[in-house]
Each structure stands twice: as structure tokens, then as C-alpha cells.
Amino acid sequence: MAKGGYGNFGGMNMNNLMKQAQRMQRQLEESKAALEEEKFEITSGGGAVKAVVSGKKELLEIKIDPEVVDPDDVEMLEDLILSAVNEAMRMADERYKEVMGKFAGAMGL
């Protein structure tokens, strides 16, 4: 007579399945914490503007070379800042997708 219930998952018992899920959860949390500590730095305008963004997607730093500050062309400086910040945010997004994508694949998502 066949066993009933949920005791057999393709040769894997429920206890092992739970341990594996807990291990994956711990690895996910560790990876996310490490990602949040990373910094993404980008420059624009040949180094005239530098932006640094955290893995939490927080703008941490903006550096502007004083030589590019032209009171008659504020728009250029604004464009350089936007470009640097947006690219740093894209870098953080890509890294997040790379790290978290590993877990989605492991979970069959």
C-alpha cells in the first residue's frame, strides 16, 4: 500500500527541504546586505563630475571640478551631474539584478 501525505518530495524529505530553504534565505540576506554596502562610482564630462551611489541606490557623493563651473553655462553642469548620477544608478540596478537573479534561478522563478 502506498504512503499518503507529503513525506516524499522526489527523494527529499521535508526536513531536508526546510534546511535547504533556510540556507537559501540566509544566503539571500547575506548577498543583499553585501550589495547594499557596495559603492558605484561614475564620472561624466571626462572626469569633470563624479557621482557615487550606494547599493541601496542612495546618492552618497557628488564631486565637481571647479574648472567646469561656468556661470554662463549652468545647463552643461546640470547635464553632467544628471548623466553621472543616472549612470551610477544604472550600475547599481544592474548589480542588483545580477546578484538577485542567481536566487530567482535557484528557486525556479
PDB file of N, CA and C in Angstrom:
ATOM      1  N   MET A   1       0.831  -1.185   0.000  1.00  0.00           N
ATOM      2  CA  MET A   1       0.000   0.000   0.000  1.00  0.00           C
ATOM      3  C   MET A   1       0.877   1.250   0.000  1.00  0.00           C
ATOM      4  N   ALA A   2       0.537   2.257  -0.824  1.00  0.00           N
ATOM      5  CA  ALA A   2       1.337   3.475  -0.952  1.00  0.00           C
ATOM      6  C   ALA A   2       1.148   4.372   0.253  1.00  0.00           C
ATOM      7  N   LYS A   3       2.215   5.071   0.605  1.00  0.00           N
ATOM      8  CA  LYS A   3       2.145   6.019   1.717  1.00  0.00           C
ATOM      9  C   LYS A   3       1.357   7.247   1.288  1.00  0.00           C
ATOM     10  N   GLY A   4       0.634   7.817   2.201  1.00  0.00           N
ATOM     11  CA  GLY A   4      -0.092   9.053   1.921  1.00  0.00           C
ATOM     12  C   GLY A   4       0.659  10.229   2.506  1.00  0.00           C
ATOM     13  N   GLY A   5       0.128  11.411   2.354  1.00  0.00           N
ATOM     14  CA  GLY A   5       0.719  12.605   2.951  1.00  0.00           C
ATOM     15  C   GLY A   5       1.793  13.219   2.070  1.00  0.00           C
ATOM     16  N   TYR A   6       2.650  14.012   2.721  1.00  0.00           N
ATOM     17  CA  TYR A   6       3.650  14.790   1.996  1.00  0.00           C
ATOM     18  C   TYR A   6       5.064  14.420   2.407  1.00  0.00           C
ATOM     19  N   GLY A   7       5.292  13.195   2.783  1.00  0.00           N
ATOM     20  CA  GLY A   7       6.591  12.793   3.307  1.00  0.00           C
ATOM     21  C   GLY A   7       7.680  12.633   2.276  1.00  0.00           C
ATOM     22  N   ASN A   8       7.381  12.556   0.999  1.00  0.00           N
ATOM     23  CA  ASN A   8       8.404  12.282  -0.003  1.00  0.00           C
ATOM     24  C   ASN A   8       8.307  13.295  -1.144  1.00  0.00           C
ATOM     25  N   PHE A   9       9.361  14.067  -1.327  1.00  0.00           N
ATOM     26  CA  PHE A   9       9.431  15.061  -2.395  1.00  0.00           C
ATOM     27  C   PHE A   9      10.536  14.658  -3.359  1.00  0.00           C
ATOM     28  N   GLY A  10      10.291  13.634  -4.170  1.00  0.00           N
ATOM     29  CA  GLY A  10      11.303  13.192  -5.124  1.00  0.00           C
ATOM     30  C   GLY A  10      12.572  12.744  -4.439  1.00  0.00           C
ATOM     31  N   GLY A  11      12.464  12.032  -3.333  1.00  0.00           N
ATOM     32  CA  GLY A  11      13.643  11.544  -2.621  1.00  0.00           C
ATOM     33  C   GLY A  11      14.135  12.520  -1.563  1.00  0.00           C
ATOM     34  N   MET A  12      13.500  13.665  -1.435  1.00  0.00           N
ATOM     35  CA  MET A  12      13.935  14.662  -0.469  1.00  0.00           C
ATOM     36  C   MET A  12      12.885  14.754   0.630  1.00  0.00           C
ATOM     37  N   ASN A  13      13.267  14.524   1.866  1.00  0.00           N
ATOM     38  CA  ASN A  13      12.266  14.618   2.928  1.00  0.00           C
ATOM     39  C   ASN A  13      12.025  16.073   3.313  1.00  0.00           C
ATOM     40  N   MET A  14      10.952  16.295   4.035  1.00  0.00           N
ATOM     41  CA  MET A  14      10.537  17.655   4.389  1.00  0.00           C
ATOM     42  C   MET A  14      11.599  18.377   5.213  1.00  0.00           C
ATOM     43  N   ASN A  15      12.280  17.670   6.098  1.00  0.00           N
ATOM     44  CA  ASN A  15      13.317  18.281   6.921  1.00  0.00           C
ATOM     45  C   ASN A  15      14.458  18.827   6.055  1.00  0.00           C
ATOM     46  N   ASN A  16      14.911  18.042   5.078  1.00  0.00           N
ATOM     47  CA  ASN A  16      15.976  18.498   4.179  1.00  0.00           C
ATOM     48  C   ASN A  16      15.513  19.672   3.330  1.00  0.00           C
ATOM     49  N   LEU A  17      14.274  19.631   2.902  1.00  0.00           N
ATOM     50  CA  LEU A  17      13.718  20.714   2.097  1.00  0.00           C
ATOM     51  C   LEU A  17      13.693  22.016   2.904  1.00  0.00           C
ATOM     52  N   MET A  18      13.299  21.930   4.153  1.00  0.00           N
ATOM     53  CA  MET A  18      13.265  23.115   5.019  1.00  0.00           C
ATOM     54  C   MET A  18      14.675  23.646   5.274  1.00  0.00           C
ATOM     55  N   LYS A  19      15.627  22.762   5.496  1.00  0.00           N
ATOM     56  CA  LYS A  19      17.012  23.192   5.704  1.00  0.00           C
ATOM     57  C   LYS A  19      17.547  23.910   4.469  1.00  0.00           C
ATOM     58  N   GLN A  20      17.238  23.374   3.302  1.00  0.00           N
ATOM     59  CA  GLN A  20      17.695  23.996   2.058  1.00  0.00           C
ATOM     60  C   GLN A  20      17.056  25.375   1.894  1.00  0.00           C
ATOM     61  N   ALA A  21      15.782  25.500   2.189  1.00  0.00           N
ATOM     62  CA  ALA A  21      15.089  26.791   2.081  1.00  0.00           C
ATOM     63  C   ALA A  21      15.685  27.802   3.062  1.00  0.00           C
ATOM     64  N   GLN A  22      15.993  27.370   4.274  1.00  0.00           N
ATOM     65  CA  GLN A  22      16.593  28.264   5.264  1.00  0.00           C
ATOM     66  C   GLN A  22      17.989  28.708   4.834  1.00  0.00           C
ATOM     67  N   ARG A  23      18.749  27.779   4.251  1.00  0.00           N
ATOM     68  CA  ARG A  23      20.090  28.109   3.769  1.00  0.00           C
ATOM     69  C   ARG A  23      20.009  29.136   2.639  1.00  0.00           C
ATOM     70  N   MET A  24      19.073  28.929   1.723  1.00  0.00           N
ATOM     71  CA  MET A  24      18.902  29.885   0.623  1.00  0.00           C
ATOM     72  C   MET A  24      18.472  31.250   1.144  1.00  0.00           C
ATOM     73  N   GLN A  25      17.598  31.284   2.135  1.00  0.00           N
ATOM     74  CA  GLN A  25      17.144  32.545   2.724  1.00  0.00           C
ATOM     75  C   GLN A  25      18.317  33.280   3.359  1.00  0.00           C
ATOM     76  N   ARG A  26      19.157  32.547   4.093  1.00  0.00           N
ATOM     77  CA  ARG A  26      20.330  33.145   4.735  1.00  0.00           C
ATOM     78  C   ARG A  26      21.294  33.692   3.689  1.00  0.00           C
ATOM     79  N   GLN A  27      21.528  32.927   2.618  1.00  0.00           N
ATOM     80  CA  GLN A  27      22.416  33.383   1.548  1.00  0.00           C
ATOM     81  C   GLN A  27      21.849  34.614   0.862  1.00  0.00           C
ATOM     82  N   LEU A  28      20.548  34.645   0.666  1.00  0.00           N
ATOM     83  CA  LEU A  28      19.900  35.804   0.046  1.00  0.00           C
ATOM     84  C   LEU A  28      20.087  37.045   0.906  1.00  0.00           C
ATOM     85  N   GLU A  29      19.866  36.908   2.200  1.00  0.00           N
ATOM     86  CA  GLU A  29      20.033  38.035   3.112  1.00  0.00           C
ATOM     87  C   GLU A  29      21.479  38.519   3.151  1.00  0.00           C
ATOM     88  N   GLU A  30      22.431  37.589   3.167  1.00  0.00           N
ATOM     89  CA  GLU A  30      23.845  37.959   3.170  1.00  0.00           C
ATOM     90  C   GLU A  30      24.229  38.667   1.884  1.00  0.00           C
ATOM     91  N   SER A  31      23.745  38.163   0.761  1.00  0.00           N
ATOM     92  CA  SER A  31      24.048  38.780  -0.532  1.00  0.00           C
ATOM     93  C   SER A  31      23.454  40.171  -0.629  1.00  0.00           C
ATOM     94  N   LYS A  32      22.235  40.330  -0.145  1.00  0.00           N
ATOM     95  CA  LYS A  32      21.577  41.637  -0.183  1.00  0.00           C
ATOM     96  C   LYS A  32      22.325  42.634   0.693  1.00  0.00           C
ATOM     97  N   ALA A  33      22.745  42.208   1.881  1.00  0.00           N
ATOM     98  CA  ALA A  33      23.488  43.091   2.781  1.00  0.00           C
ATOM     99  C   ALA A  33      24.818  43.513   2.148  1.00  0.00           C
ATOM    100  N   ALA A  34      25.509  42.565   1.524  1.00  0.00           N
ATOM    101  CA  ALA A  34      26.776  42.885   0.861  1.00  0.00           C
ATOM    102  C   ALA A  34      26.548  43.848  -0.300  1.00  0.00           C
ATOM    103  N   LEU A  35      25.488  43.629  -1.048  1.00  0.00           N
ATOM    104  CA  LEU A  35      25.164  44.502  -2.172  1.00  0.00           C
ATOM    105  C   LEU A  35      24.891  45.920  -1.692  1.00  0.00           C
ATOM    106  N   GLU A  36      24.178  46.056  -0.601  1.00  0.00           N
ATOM    107  CA  GLU A  36      23.862  47.380  -0.071  1.00  0.00           C
ATOM    108  C   GLU A  36      25.110  48.133   0.365  1.00  0.00           C
ATOM    109  N   GLU A  37      26.191  47.418   0.698  1.00  0.00           N
ATOM    110  CA  GLU A  37      27.439  48.043   1.113  1.00  0.00           C
ATOM    111  C   GLU A  37      28.309  48.471  -0.080  1.00  0.00           C
ATOM    112  N   GLU A  38      28.000  47.956  -1.266  1.00  0.00           N
ATOM    113  CA  GLU A  38      28.802  48.305  -2.439  1.00  0.00           C
ATOM    114  C   GLU A  38      28.592  49.765  -2.816  1.00  0.00           C
ATOM    115  N   LYS A  39      29.600  50.325  -3.482  1.00  0.00           N
ATOM    116  CA  LYS A  39      29.520  51.698  -3.980  1.00  0.00           C
ATOM    117  C   LYS A  39      29.766  51.670  -5.482  1.00  0.00           C
ATOM    118  N   PHE A  40      29.017  52.498  -6.187  1.00  0.00           N
ATOM    119  CA  PHE A  40      29.129  52.587  -7.637  1.00  0.00           C
ATOM    120  C   PHE A  40      29.514  54.013  -7.985  1.00  0.00           C
ATOM    121  N   GLU A  41      30.675  54.146  -8.609  1.00  0.00           N
ATOM    122  CA  GLU A  41      31.228  55.465  -8.908  1.00  0.00           C
ATOM    123  C   GLU A  41      31.324  55.628 -10.421  1.00  0.00           C
ATOM    124  N   ILE A  42      30.885  56.773 -10.890  1.00  0.00           N
ATOM    125  CA  ILE A  42      30.949  57.058 -12.324  1.00  0.00           C
ATOM    126  C   ILE A  42      31.306  58.526 -12.499  1.00  0.00           C
ATOM    127  N   THR A  43      31.971  58.819 -13.597  1.00  0.00           N
ATOM    128  CA  THR A  43      32.275  60.209 -13.918  1.00  0.00           C
ATOM    129  C   THR A  43      31.651  60.562 -15.263  1.00  0.00           C
ATOM    130  N   SER A  44      31.435  61.831 -15.460  1.00  0.00           N
ATOM    131  CA  SER A  44      30.965  62.317 -16.756  1.00  0.00           C
ATOM    132  C   SER A  44      31.769  63.548 -17.116  1.00  0.00           C
ATOM    133  N   GLY A  45      31.702  63.924 -18.390  1.00  0.00           N
ATOM    134  CA  GLY A  45      32.441  65.098 -18.844  1.00  0.00           C
ATOM    135  C   GLY A  45      33.940  64.927 -18.699  1.00  0.00           C
ATOM    136  N   GLY A  46      34.430  63.709 -18.971  1.00  0.00           N
ATOM    137  CA  GLY A  46      35.868  63.466 -18.885  1.00  0.00           C
ATOM    138  C   GLY A  46      36.407  63.594 -17.469  1.00  0.00           C
ATOM    139  N   GLY A  47      35.570  63.307 -16.484  1.00  0.00           N
ATOM    140  CA  GLY A  47      36.003  63.386 -15.094  1.00  0.00           C
ATOM    141  C   GLY A  47      35.610  64.685 -14.417  1.00  0.00           C
ATOM    142  N   ALA A  48      34.902  65.555 -15.122  1.00  0.00           N
ATOM    143  CA  ALA A  48      34.510  66.848 -14.548  1.00  0.00           C
ATOM    144  C   ALA A  48      33.517  66.685 -13.402  1.00  0.00           C
ATOM    145  N   VAL A  49      32.663  65.656 -13.506  1.00  0.00           N
ATOM    146  CA  VAL A  49      31.674  65.397 -12.459  1.00  0.00           C
ATOM    147  C   VAL A  49      31.769  63.929 -12.071  1.00  0.00           C
ATOM    148  N   LYS A  50      31.788  63.679 -10.764  1.00  0.00           N
ATOM    149  CA  LYS A  50      31.817  62.307 -10.264  1.00  0.00           C
ATOM    150  C   LYS A  50      30.622  62.115  -9.347  1.00  0.00           C
ATOM    151  N   ALA A  51      29.923  60.977  -9.527  1.00  0.00           N
ATOM    152  CA  ALA A  51      28.806  60.616  -8.652  1.00  0.00           C
ATOM    153  C   ALA A  51      29.095  59.257  -8.048  1.00  0.00           C
ATOM    154  N   VAL A  52      28.766  59.104  -6.773  1.00  0.00           N
ATOM    155  CA  VAL A  52      28.915  57.834  -6.072  1.00  0.00           C
ATOM    156  C   VAL A  52      27.548  57.471  -5.484  1.00  0.00           C
ATOM    157  N   VAL A  53      27.098  56.254  -5.807  1.00  0.00           N
ATOM    158  CA  VAL A  53      25.801  55.758  -5.364  1.00  0.00           C
ATOM    159  C   VAL A  53      26.024  54.463  -4.602  1.00  0.00           C
ATOM    160  N   SER A  54      25.219  54.240  -3.554  1.00  0.00           N
ATOM    161  CA  SER A  54      25.324  53.002  -2.793  1.00  0.00           C
ATOM    162  C   SER A  54      24.467  51.922  -3.434  1.00  0.00           C
ATOM    163  N   GLY A  55      24.670  50.695  -2.977  1.00  0.00           N
ATOM    164  CA  GLY A  55      23.837  49.590  -3.436  1.00  0.00           C
ATOM    165  C   GLY A  55      22.392  49.749  -3.012  1.00  0.00           C
ATOM    166  N   LYS A  56      22.140  50.635  -2.069  1.00  0.00           N
ATOM    167  CA  LYS A  56      20.770  50.962  -1.661  1.00  0.00           C
ATOM    168  C   LYS A  56      20.168  52.009  -2.594  1.00  0.00           C
ATOM    169  N   LYS A  57      20.941  52.420  -3.589  1.00  0.00           N
ATOM    170  CA  LYS A  57      20.561  53.439  -4.564  1.00  0.00           C
ATOM    171  C   LYS A  57      20.393  54.805  -3.905  1.00  0.00           C
ATOM    172  N   GLU A  58      21.293  55.091  -2.980  1.00  0.00           N
ATOM    173  CA  GLU A  58      21.346  56.401  -2.349  1.00  0.00           C
ATOM    174  C   GLU A  58      22.549  57.149  -2.912  1.00  0.00           C
ATOM    175  N   LEU A  59      22.347  58.388  -3.281  1.00  0.00           N
ATOM    176  CA  LEU A  59      23.440  59.223  -3.754  1.00  0.00           C
ATOM    177  C   LEU A  59      24.309  59.578  -2.562  1.00  0.00           C
ATOM    178  N   LEU A  60      25.566  59.143  -2.597  1.00  0.00           N
ATOM    179  CA  LEU A  60      26.472  59.340  -1.463  1.00  0.00           C
ATOM    180  C   LEU A  60      27.377  60.551  -1.640  1.00  0.00           C
ATOM    181  N   GLU A  61      27.726  60.833  -2.893  1.00  0.00           N
ATOM    182  CA  GLU A  61      28.730  61.868  -3.111  1.00  0.00           C
ATOM    183  C   GLU A  61      28.605  62.449  -4.515  1.00  0.00           C
ATOM    184  N   ILE A  62      28.818  63.744  -4.615  1.00  0.00           N
ATOM    185  CA  ILE A  62      28.938  64.441  -5.904  1.00  0.00           C
ATOM    186  C   ILE A  62      30.203  65.288  -5.806  1.00  0.00           C
ATOM    187  N   LYS A  63      31.070  65.148  -6.770  1.00  0.00           N
ATOM    188  CA  LYS A  63      32.277  65.977  -6.849  1.00  0.00           C
ATOM    189  C   LYS A  63      32.248  66.703  -8.191  1.00  0.00           C
ATOM    190  N   ILE A  64      32.531  67.991  -8.149  1.00  0.00           N
ATOM    191  CA  ILE A  64      32.532  68.801  -9.363  1.00  0.00           C
ATOM    192  C   ILE A  64      33.874  69.508  -9.465  1.00  0.00           C
ATOM    193  N   ASP A  65      34.513  69.330 -10.600  1.00  0.00           N
ATOM    194  CA  ASP A  65      35.774  70.025 -10.869  1.00  0.00           C
ATOM    195  C   ASP A  65      35.458  71.514 -11.004  1.00  0.00           C
ATOM    196  N   PRO A  66      36.067  72.356 -10.187  1.00  0.00           N
ATOM    197  CA  PRO A  66      35.771  73.794 -10.232  1.00  0.00           C
ATOM    198  C   PRO A  66      35.975  74.419 -11.614  1.00  0.00           C
ATOM    199  N   GLU A  67      36.825  73.816 -12.422  1.00  0.00           N
ATOM    200  CA  GLU A  67      37.090  74.374 -13.751  1.00  0.00           C
ATOM    201  C   GLU A  67      35.886  74.289 -14.685  1.00  0.00           C
ATOM    202  N   VAL A  68      34.934  73.390 -14.398  1.00  0.00           N
ATOM    203  CA  VAL A  68      33.768  73.271 -15.278  1.00  0.00           C
ATOM    204  C   VAL A  68      32.602  74.132 -14.817  1.00  0.00           C
ATOM    205  N   VAL A  69      32.787  74.849 -13.725  1.00  0.00           N
ATOM    206  CA  VAL A  69      31.720  75.717 -13.234  1.00  0.00           C
ATOM    207  C   VAL A  69      31.783  77.032 -14.002  1.00  0.00           C
ATOM    208  N   ASP A  70      30.848  77.170 -14.921  1.00  0.00           N
ATOM    209  CA  ASP A  70      30.751  78.368 -15.759  1.00  0.00           C
ATOM    210  C   ASP A  70      29.388  79.001 -15.496  1.00  0.00           C
ATOM    211  N   PRO A  71      29.350  80.142 -14.833  1.00  0.00           N
ATOM    212  CA  PRO A  71      28.069  80.768 -14.510  1.00  0.00           C
ATOM    213  C   PRO A  71      27.219  81.066 -15.753  1.00  0.00           C
ATOM    214  N   ASP A  72      27.866  81.156 -16.913  1.00  0.00           N
ATOM    215  CA  ASP A  72      27.123  81.429 -18.148  1.00  0.00           C
ATOM    216  C   ASP A  72      26.609  80.154 -18.811  1.00  0.00           C
ATOM    217  N   ASP A  73      26.985  78.975 -18.273  1.00  0.00           N
ATOM    218  CA  ASP A  73      26.540  77.707 -18.865  1.00  0.00           C
ATOM    219  C   ASP A  73      26.196  76.694 -17.771  1.00  0.00           C
ATOM    220  N   VAL A  74      25.256  77.064 -16.937  1.00  0.00           N
ATOM    221  CA  VAL A  74      24.820  76.199 -15.848  1.00  0.00           C
ATOM    222  C   VAL A  74      24.176  74.926 -16.399  1.00  0.00           C
ATOM    223  N   GLU A  75      23.516  75.017 -17.526  1.00  0.00           N
ATOM    224  CA  GLU A  75      22.854  73.853 -18.123  1.00  0.00           C
ATOM    225  C   GLU A  75      23.828  72.719 -18.396  1.00  0.00           C
ATOM    226  N   MET A  76      25.024  73.035 -18.872  1.00  0.00           N
ATOM    227  CA  MET A  76      26.012  71.995 -19.139  1.00  0.00           C
ATOM    228  C   MET A  76      26.373  71.263 -17.847  1.00  0.00           C
ATOM    229  N   LEU A  77      26.575  71.997 -16.778  1.00  0.00           N
ATOM    230  CA  LEU A  77      26.919  71.391 -15.495  1.00  0.00           C
ATOM    231  C   LEU A  77      25.762  70.525 -14.997  1.00  0.00           C
ATOM    232  N   GLU A  78      24.549  70.998 -15.131  1.00  0.00           N
ATOM    233  CA  GLU A  78      23.386  70.214 -14.733  1.00  0.00           C
ATOM    234  C   GLU A  78      23.312  68.908 -15.517  1.00  0.00           C
ATOM    235  N   ASP A  79      23.567  68.977 -16.820  1.00  0.00           N
ATOM    236  CA  ASP A  79      23.556  67.776 -17.666  1.00  0.00           C
ATOM    237  C   ASP A  79      24.630  66.778 -17.243  1.00  0.00           C
ATOM    238  N   LEU A  80      25.813  67.286 -16.916  1.00  0.00           N
ATOM    239  CA  LEU A  80      26.893  66.409 -16.475  1.00  0.00           C
ATOM    240  C   LEU A  80      26.531  65.707 -15.156  1.00  0.00           C
ATOM    241  N   ILE A  81      25.912  66.441 -14.261  1.00  0.00           N
ATOM    242  CA  ILE A  81      25.502  65.861 -12.979  1.00  0.00           C
ATOM    243  C   ILE A  81      24.437  64.794 -13.199  1.00  0.00           C
ATOM    244  N   LEU A  82      23.419  65.119 -13.989  1.00  0.00           N
ATOM    245  CA  LEU A  82      22.367  64.144 -14.281  1.00  0.00           C
ATOM    246  C   LEU A  82      22.935  62.891 -14.931  1.00  0.00           C
ATOM    247  N   SER A  83      23.821  63.074 -15.859  1.00  0.00           N
ATOM    248  CA  SER A  83      24.420  61.941 -16.560  1.00  0.00           C
ATOM    249  C   SER A  83      25.181  61.035 -15.597  1.00  0.00           C
ATOM    250  N   ALA A  84      25.993  61.622 -14.744  1.00  0.00           N
ATOM    251  CA  ALA A  84      26.784  60.832 -13.799  1.00  0.00           C
ATOM    252  C   ALA A  84      25.890  60.103 -12.798  1.00  0.00           C
ATOM    253  N   VAL A  85      24.908  60.792 -12.248  1.00  0.00           N
ATOM    254  CA  VAL A  85      24.020  60.170 -11.253  1.00  0.00           C
ATOM    255  C   VAL A  85      23.202  59.052 -11.888  1.00  0.00           C
ATOM    256  N   ASN A  86      22.631  59.310 -13.060  1.00  0.00           N
ATOM    257  CA  ASN A  86      21.819  58.286 -13.719  1.00  0.00           C
ATOM    258  C   ASN A  86      22.634  57.050 -14.075  1.00  0.00           C
ATOM    259  N   GLU A  87      23.849  57.238 -14.523  1.00  0.00           N
ATOM    260  CA  GLU A  87      24.687  56.091 -14.878  1.00  0.00           C
ATOM    261  C   GLU A  87      25.086  55.299 -13.632  1.00  0.00           C
ATOM    262  N   ALA A  88      25.369  55.981 -12.552  1.00  0.00           N
ATOM    263  CA  ALA A  88      25.696  55.285 -11.304  1.00  0.00           C
ATOM    264  C   ALA A  88      24.490  54.488 -10.806  1.00  0.00           C
ATOM    265  N   MET A  89      23.297  55.040 -10.937  1.00  0.00           N
ATOM    266  CA  MET A  89      22.078  54.322 -10.549  1.00  0.00           C
ATOM    267  C   MET A  89      21.872  53.091 -11.441  1.00  0.00           C
ATOM    268  N   ARG A  90      22.141  53.229 -12.725  1.00  0.00           N
ATOM    269  CA  ARG A  90      22.026  52.080 -13.639  1.00  0.00           C
ATOM    270  C   ARG A  90      23.008  50.979 -13.250  1.00  0.00           C
ATOM    271  N   MET A  91      24.211  51.371 -12.869  1.00  0.00           N
ATOM    272  CA  MET A  91      25.204  50.387 -12.441  1.00  0.00           C
ATOM    273  C   MET A  91      24.711  49.636 -11.201  1.00  0.00           C
ATOM    274  N   ALA A  92      24.139  50.359 -10.252  1.00  0.00           N
ATOM    275  CA  ALA A  92      23.610  49.734  -9.039  1.00  0.00           C
ATOM    276  C   ALA A  92      22.465  48.786  -9.385  1.00  0.00           C
ATOM    277  N   ASP A  93      21.588  49.200 -10.299  1.00  0.00           N
ATOM    278  CA  ASP A  93      20.477  48.340 -10.734  1.00  0.00           C
ATOM    279  C   ASP A  93      20.977  47.056 -11.379  1.00  0.00           C
ATOM    280  N   GLU A  94      21.947  47.171 -12.257  1.00  0.00           N
ATOM    281  CA  GLU A  94      22.495  46.001 -12.943  1.00  0.00           C
ATOM    282  C   GLU A  94      23.117  45.028 -11.956  1.00  0.00           C
ATOM    283  N   ARG A  95      23.845  45.557 -10.996  1.00  0.00           N
ATOM    284  CA  ARG A  95      24.477  44.694  -9.998  1.00  0.00           C
ATOM    285  C   ARG A  95      23.409  43.995  -9.151  1.00  0.00           C
ATOM    286  N   TYR A  96      22.354  44.723  -8.801  1.00  0.00           N
ATOM    287  CA  TYR A  96      21.263  44.140  -8.022  1.00  0.00           C
ATOM    288  C   TYR A  96      20.623  42.992  -8.794  1.00  0.00           C
ATOM    289  N   LYS A  97      20.345  43.217 -10.070  1.00  0.00           N
ATOM    290  CA  LYS A  97      19.736  42.175 -10.906  1.00  0.00           C
ATOM    291  C   LYS A  97      20.655  40.964 -11.025  1.00  0.00           C
ATOM    292  N   GLU A  98      21.940  41.219 -11.141  1.00  0.00           N
ATOM    293  CA  GLU A  98      22.922  40.132 -11.253  1.00  0.00           C
ATOM    294  C   GLU A  98      22.926  39.279  -9.984  1.00  0.00           C
ATOM    295  N   VAL A  99      22.991  39.925  -8.828  1.00  0.00           N
ATOM    296  CA  VAL A  99      23.061  39.203  -7.552  1.00  0.00           C
ATOM    297  C   VAL A  99      21.741  38.502  -7.247  1.00  0.00           C
ATOM    298  N   MET A 100      20.643  39.213  -7.364  1.00  0.00           N
ATOM    299  CA  MET A 100      19.343  38.638  -7.014  1.00  0.00           C
ATOM    300  C   MET A 100      18.859  37.631  -8.068  1.00  0.00           C
ATOM    301  N   GLY A 101      19.314  37.768  -9.293  1.00  0.00           N
ATOM    302  CA  GLY A 101      18.934  36.844 -10.349  1.00  0.00           C
ATOM    303  C   GLY A 101      19.404  35.427 -10.067  1.00  0.00           C
ATOM    304  N   LYS A 102      20.512  35.294  -9.387  1.00  0.00           N
ATOM    305  CA  LYS A 102      21.020  33.971  -9.025  1.00  0.00           C
ATOM    306  C   LYS A 102      20.021  33.237  -8.141  1.00  0.00           C
ATOM    307  N   PHE A 103      19.391  33.969  -7.245  1.00  0.00           N
ATOM    308  CA  PHE A 103      18.434  33.351  -6.336  1.00  0.00           C
ATOM    309  C   PHE A 103      17.120  33.037  -7.044  1.00  0.00           C
ATOM    310  N   ALA A 104      16.714  33.909  -7.929  1.00  0.00           N
ATOM    311  CA  ALA A 104      15.474  33.640  -8.681  1.00  0.00           C
ATOM    312  C   ALA A 104      15.632  32.376  -9.502  1.00  0.00           C
ATOM    313  N   GLY A 105      16.782  32.193 -10.124  1.00  0.00           N
ATOM    314  CA  GLY A 105      17.039  30.999 -10.908  1.00  0.00           C
ATOM    315  C   GLY A 105      17.072  29.753 -10.036  1.00  0.00           C
ATOM    316  N   ALA A 106      17.657  29.872  -8.856  1.00  0.00           N
ATOM    317  CA  ALA A 106      17.747  28.717  -7.962  1.00  0.00           C
ATOM    318  C   ALA A 106      16.386  28.313  -7.424  1.00  0.00           C
ATOM    319  N   MET A 107      15.479  29.281  -7.355  1.00  0.00           N
ATOM    320  CA  MET A 107      14.136  28.984  -6.846  1.00  0.00           C
ATOM    321  C   MET A 107      13.164  28.662  -7.973  1.00  0.00           C
ATOM    322  N   GLY A 108      13.652  28.687  -9.203  1.00  0.00           N
ATOM    323  CA  GLY A 108      12.805  28.350 -10.343  1.00  0.00           C
ATOM    324  C   GLY A 108      11.857  29.467 -10.734  1.00  0.00           C
ATOM    325  N   LEU A 109      12.201  30.711 -10.402  1.00  0.00           N
ATOM    326  CA  LEU A 109      11.348  31.849 -10.757  1.00  0.00           C
ATOM    327  C   LEU A 109      11.753  32.450 -12.079  1.00  0.00           C
TER     328      LEU A 109
END
